[in-house]
Amino acid sequence: MKAVILCAGYGTRAYPLTINRAKALLPVRNKPIIEFIVKKVQLLKEVDEIFVVTNHRFYGDFKRWQESFFSRIPIEIVDDGSTTLKNKLGAIKDLVFVIEKEEIDDDLLVIGGDNLFDFSLSEFIDFAKEKEFKSLIGVYALNGRLKPTKFGIVKLNEERKVVGFYEKPAKLNGSRIISTCIYFFPKEKLSLIKEYIEKGYDTDKIGSYIEWLTKRDEVYGYEFNGTWIDIGDIDSYTQAVFMF
């Protein structure tokens, strides 16, 4: 299994904090956010390599971080070539870029580089095995701290199969379960990502792909317990600094 950490965005909603620094490199407890993610991934015996995809603007910063960080799993920093918001690839194209450039033919654990969490990922992977390696999304119960319209809303049946997914809807649609940016995609299903792009759909947000995928194929949801923060703006970053 390979892990891909998506860090190629430009973090405009977190300006001025991210004008000259990638969101994943913002410090929490004197450590960059990406370090928290990598340390969780390192605990998974199934993962044998980590790919961090970034843009050209912050590529050097990630390389310097990599050189200063000891990892038991090889880490590859991948430059997607984009330099500004205008020529960014978007999360879906970044994912395909890494798959093709690194010739990945393996199951994929995909994590957004602005996700900060304190729970283990091992049961998430165990659940993927239990479901015979169907596509899997990490979900989280809404609480008063989170605004539903900022996330994908998920409906699950008793078997935890996704029976409804609504990317950032205007209202809740009867569910209080949201999607995190933590995904598992089996290697047999990676071709669907390319198919999605070829059909001309939105490539900026993975949530848009998941919404399409749930209508095309089986997708299951695993509910995480613990603390999870999607660091999208200054307010959520401030929460992360306080809570971690």
Foldseek 3Di string as FASTA:
>chain_A
DEEEEEFADQLPQAPPVRNQHTQQQDDAPRGGNQVQVLVLVLVDPVHQEYEYEYEPSCQVVVVVVVVVDDGPHHYHYHYPHDDDPVPGDADLVSVVVCCVVVVDQFKYKYAYSQKHFDDHCHVVVVVCVVVVNAKEFEKEFDDPVDDQLCFWAFDADPVQKTPAIHGSDPDRPPGRMTTHRIIIHGSVCPVVSVVCVVVPDDRRDVSSVVRVVSVVGIYGYDYDDGDMFRPNYNVRVVVSNVPD
